[in-house]
Structures are given as structure tokens and as C-alpha cells.
Amino acid sequence: MLGASRRSLCAAARRRAAVGAASVVPGDAASAPQRPVSAASRPSAREQWCLGVPQPQKRLLSVLAWRLRLLELVSLVSLKLTDGALVGRSNASDALDKLRYLSVTDSNLMKDGSELAIRIQTDKDNGIITITDTGIGMTRQELVESLGTIASSGTAKFLKALKESQEAGMDSNLIGQFGVGFYSAFLVSDKVAVSTKSPKSDKQYVWEGEAESSSYTIREETDPEKLIPRGTRLTLYLKVEVDEDPSEVKTEGDGETKTELRNPKEVSTEEYNEFYKKTFNEYLDPLASSHFTTEGEVEFRSILFVPATKKEDITDRKTKNIRLYVKRVFISDDFDGELGVVDSNDLPLNVSREILQESRIVRIMRKRLVRKAFDMILGISCSENRDDYERFWENYGKFLKLGCMEDKENHKRIAPLLRFFSSQSNDELISLDEYVENMKPEQKDIYFIAADSLSSAKNAPFLEKLTEKEYEVLLLVDPMDEVAIQNLSSYKDKKFVDISKEDLDLGDKNEEREKEIKQEYSQTCDWIKGRLGDKVARVDISNRLSSSPCVLVAAKFGWSANMERLMRAQSMGDTSSLDFMRSRKVFEINPEHEIIKGLNVACRNNPDDPEALKAVDILFETAMISSGFTPDNPTELSSKIYEMMSSAIGNKWASQATPAAQSQQSAPPVSSEPLEAEIVEEPVESGQQQQK
């Protein structure tokens, strides 16, 4: 639409030029006098567009093009403006900074006065705001270039960037990114007047523009009462709907930041809680708060809170967590982290989002705020009320684990806040400090195992020897636990050791005994390795088993069984990409177990026995399951187990039933006829009398 308007304007101008028509723009002149174009410079697209048009028509085209761009800009800004922070900010601060900088090399610029100030006056009855500064001011030419030619002030780039950001799905809140500060005045004003006096010029000029007009004017100031020695006076003639007195609202956000300006000793817990609920629309009291003032290299005041409720969107860019104020003027709430309010005097009022991202002051503030937040959370964890930290951990524990992966700088602050299950904690979460405190005197490392559930971790064969030695083992059952621990690598000079990986050192080696066992079972280990082939890297004697016959451990620098399971679940069905990280497994056998002793005999006497080889296969595949791995062919494993069960118990009950049946068959038949009996009395010898 804008391009069509330009074409119609140019055509109209050419028609007027052909008939000698002239257009007059109110005021002294609406654009700068025509400047000669050097031979070395090429005409711009706009100059080529109006090439050959007489000067009056050029002025008309310049004014109308300015008006069209202004209307488009204001309409877009109106759609994007989410608060009143932008309106009321002027270039006064920049004008003072520029004068201060230029006066270092040209002291004549300060001849009209050395005071650098900004003054704001209000006229509530007439709806007028006047902002006056004693800065560098502008000449007539600078007025035209800075205020009259929007095309060269970044509007085109603004529109293009806005379109690209919307197409890319980016945040479309572009206020503060493209320098549209002055033109936003038309959002609240029917008319804007800029009266300015530069120390480089003897005259004072007035730029005037109206929101509903198709032109602007530039004239010389002739009223003696309105003359200023140096600087700029910006006058806003407010719209009817803007009826709030700026003098009553001194700075935006004053009411919201009033609490942080007070002495922390004078603010009660109830006042902090009320401030928190009102500011962040919460209904529960915070778990903790931290009110502090930082002085020195950077000065700022802040109040931070730890919410009592779970916030899933706390890392979302559009979540308003931290609110930044400069000199009690609201600047931005586009920050992530805890909930809080920050007020600083070291940042400029006309700060943009780019400045916030690149400013050294903001980086220092962010670092100190993060430290205070950690101190606040540590205070909750050390509190006698364990329920508060349990609630915090349930809500935000995963973000601390995420910090182990992404915030290496704060590992020492994050580690004491972590919580895990352990083999001795009775299903309660413990801290790393509690684990270290419970370590045995001879224990050197922090042991852990990762599994898909608490039950699987507790019953894993890897814990057998450690349980006998009463060593505590961390049970990592959350998908983020293992990655978090691996990124920490150690805590208080104690290394984290995965007990499901090879080369586990429990500190109780008996070299002579180990040498004897290796000599006795070396042939068996080679025999088992030959049977399993490339399924395992090697077969070793285990020092971590006591009741299980064998276990399958991961390579030292490869994935554990738990990590392999997680990565397999995220591979979108394509497991070929995981082969390069899938660890080579080590098959460890327990020489004290009866099954291994039997296989040792079979290896020496009959290594080709099919039953013995089948037993090795079943032993390996069951070890995969008990160690947390997934068998390649579960159906084949089931068939082998069923077959072995059949051979073991197939005739067991039949053989037990045979002797009973035989005894029943050999017993004589019972007759149903009555039996006759004869009583025979023994003769009594002579001389013996029966005693009565």
C-alpha cells in the first residue's frame, strides 16, 4: 500500500509540474534546501524516484512521505506497546551526554552555561507536558534530518525486521529495539512541538507536527519569552483521553518499588509477603525472600522471592520474573530466574534491550543476583523445617539439575542443593553433604548407580559387595540425575564413581588371592569369551558380586545401561545413530558361585558339551536383564529358559510318584470272606501254680 501511495504521489507531482502548478506547505519550509549532488555520489532510490520534479513538489512529496511513514509507524507501535514505559522518555539524556563529550574538545559549546539538567513541567488544565534540557540542541538542518525525514531514521528497517521476526516466530515486542522513542509521542499527543537552540547556531528553531495533519513545519522562534540559551524544549499537547496528571505519578512503578527502597530492617515478613502477592499476582506466601543493597562497582537495590508454587513456564522468555527499574522508572521484565524487583541508578533511562544484553553493568548485576538467589535457596535447605525445602525441590529440583549441565561457573553453589535417594536413606532424599558425612573412613569415592526405578536400583547386582561393606550408594532414578552427576564429576574432592562400569576399585584388593583365582579361571574366561564372541569386550573375574553368578558392566567411558535406555527412547526409532556411543560390555563372573564352579569343571572336562554352551548363553542374556540392558532377542531367551526348565523338571514329579505305585501293586489283595481263628492254650508245667 505504501508503494502504491508513493507512485500515485509521484504521478500527481509530475502532472502538476507539467501544468506549472505550485504547492505551498505552511511554515517557513518543510524540508531542507536542495543540496548539490556530487559526481562521486549516486542518487538514492528516493532521489531517483522524484528525479526531475520541481522543488515545491519535492517538498510536498517529502512531507507526505514522512506523514505516510509516521502513520504506519504509529499504528504498528500502537499494536506492540504493552505499557506506558516508552512514552515520556526523550532524547534529553542523550543530548546532555553528547554535549559533555563534544565540550571536551570544544569548550565554546558550554559558553551559554555549564549546567546540564532536564526539567519537566506539567499543565494539567490544558493537558500539556514540557520537557526541557540544556543539552547540545539542534540546528535547522539537524531538525530536518532527525525529525522530519523518518525514511532515514530506521523506519524501513523497523518494518522489515518486524515482518522477519514474526515470520521466524520471534518475540514481536520490538519497542526499545529500533529507536522509535520520539515518534511514540504521537500515541498520547495530538500535537508535538520541538523548540531547539544549538550552540553552533545563532537562531532558535521550532519543529511542529500534528497527529492528524499531513505536514510538519519548521520556523524560527521569534517570541523573546520562549527563547532558551541552549538545548531543546519538547512540548506534548496530550490527547483528551490522557487525563492522568504526570506530576502525581512522578515515575512509573514508584508504588510497586516502594518496598525495596526501604531499609530491610524496617520491613516485616508480612509486608514482604503482601508485596510479593500484589506484585506477582500470587496467592501463597513465598518460601523465602532476600532484600539487599549492593554498593561498590555497581549500585542497585533488589528484593528476590522463592515462589511456593510450581511454575512450569519459569524459563519462558515471556514470563515476567525479574522487573528492572532504573532510577525507579520501569525498564524491562524480559528476564528469567527467580521472582524479584531490581532498581539501579547506574543504567541510562533510555536503555534498550540490546544494551541490557551487552551492558557490563547488567552482567555484573545478573551475577550478583544469581549469587543472592543461591544463598536464599541454601538458607531454605539449611532450615529446620525440611518440608519447605522438600516442596522447593519438588517444584524446582529439575532446574537445579539443569544448572549442573549448563552453568559450570556455579557448580559449587548448585551441588549442596541437590537431593538424591540412597541405598541407606529409607526412600528419603539426602544431600551430598549428608552422604559425605556418612562415608566410611576408608571410603574414597562417592558411589552411584542409575536405573529406571527405585526398586531396580536397590536390587541391582552391582550393589552386593558394597552392601556387605556398608558403603552407601546414591540411587539415581530421575532421567536428569545421571547427566547432572557426570557434569559435576566430583564433590569436596570426592569423585563420583558409577558402580555399573568397569574397573571398580573398592579399596580391598588381595593381589595374591586375585592372582590365584585368575590362574584357576583363566581358561574358563577364555572359553566363555569364545562362546559369546563380539557380544562382550572381555570376560573378567568380578570383585563386586557376592550372591549373583555374573553381571554385565559397561565400558569406563561409554554409556551406562540406564543412559543407553534413555538415548534409545529418544532416537525416534533410528538406533543406528547410537552405535558409536553404545559401550562395549565386560562380562564379569563370580568364582564363588556354584554355577560358575560348574562351568569351570565343564570347560576343563568337556568344553564342547551343548548343554554347557547353552548354559553360557542363558547366563549372559539373564545377566543383561539383571544389569539393566535389553536383550537383543527376548523370544530366543525365553525359549532357552523353557527348554532348560523342561529338562530339569520334566520327570521330577513322575519319578517321585513311581515307588508309591509299585508298593500298591505288590500288596496282597484283601478278601471279603470272614476269617476263622483257633485259640491255643499253652500247657502249664507241673508244680507251677497260678498266683491269684
Foldseek 3Di string as FASTA:
>chain_A
DLVVVLVVLLVVQVVCVVVVHADDDPAPAFADPDDDDDPVDDDDPVCVSNPPGDPRSVSLSLLQNLLVLLVVVLVLLVVLDPDCQLAPDDCLVVQAVVQVVVCVVPVLQCVLHDDWDWDWDADLVQQKIKIWTQGQWDDPNCCCVPPRRVVPQQSVVVVVVLVVCVVVVHDNNCPQPRPCRVSNLLVFAQKKKKWFDGSVDPWIKIWIDGNPDSGIYIHTDDDPVPDDSGTMMMMGRGDPVPNDTCVVVVAPQCVLCVVLVDDPVVADLVNVQVSVCVVQVDDDGFLWKDWDWDDDPFTKTKMFTHHLDADPCQVPQPDQAEWEAAVSHTDDRRDHDTHMYMYGPPDDSSHGPVCCVPPPNNVVVVVVVVVVVLVGLVVSCPDPPNVSLVSVCVRCVVVLLVCLVVPVVCLQSSQQSHWFDKLPPVPDTDGVVVLVVPADPPDQAAEEEEAQDPVLRNQFQLCAQVVVVVRMYTYHNDPSVVVSLVSSQADPNHGYDYSQAPPDPPPDDDPVVQVVVCVLCVLVQVLLCVLCPQQAPGEEADPRGDAAFKAKGFYPQADALSVLVVVCVVPVNDCPVVVVRGTHIYIHGHCVDPLNVVLSVCSVPPSPPPVSSLVSVLSVQVNCVSRNHDDPDVVVSVVSVVVVVCVVCVCVVVVVVVVVVVVVVPDDDDDPDDDDDDDDDDDDDPPDDDDD
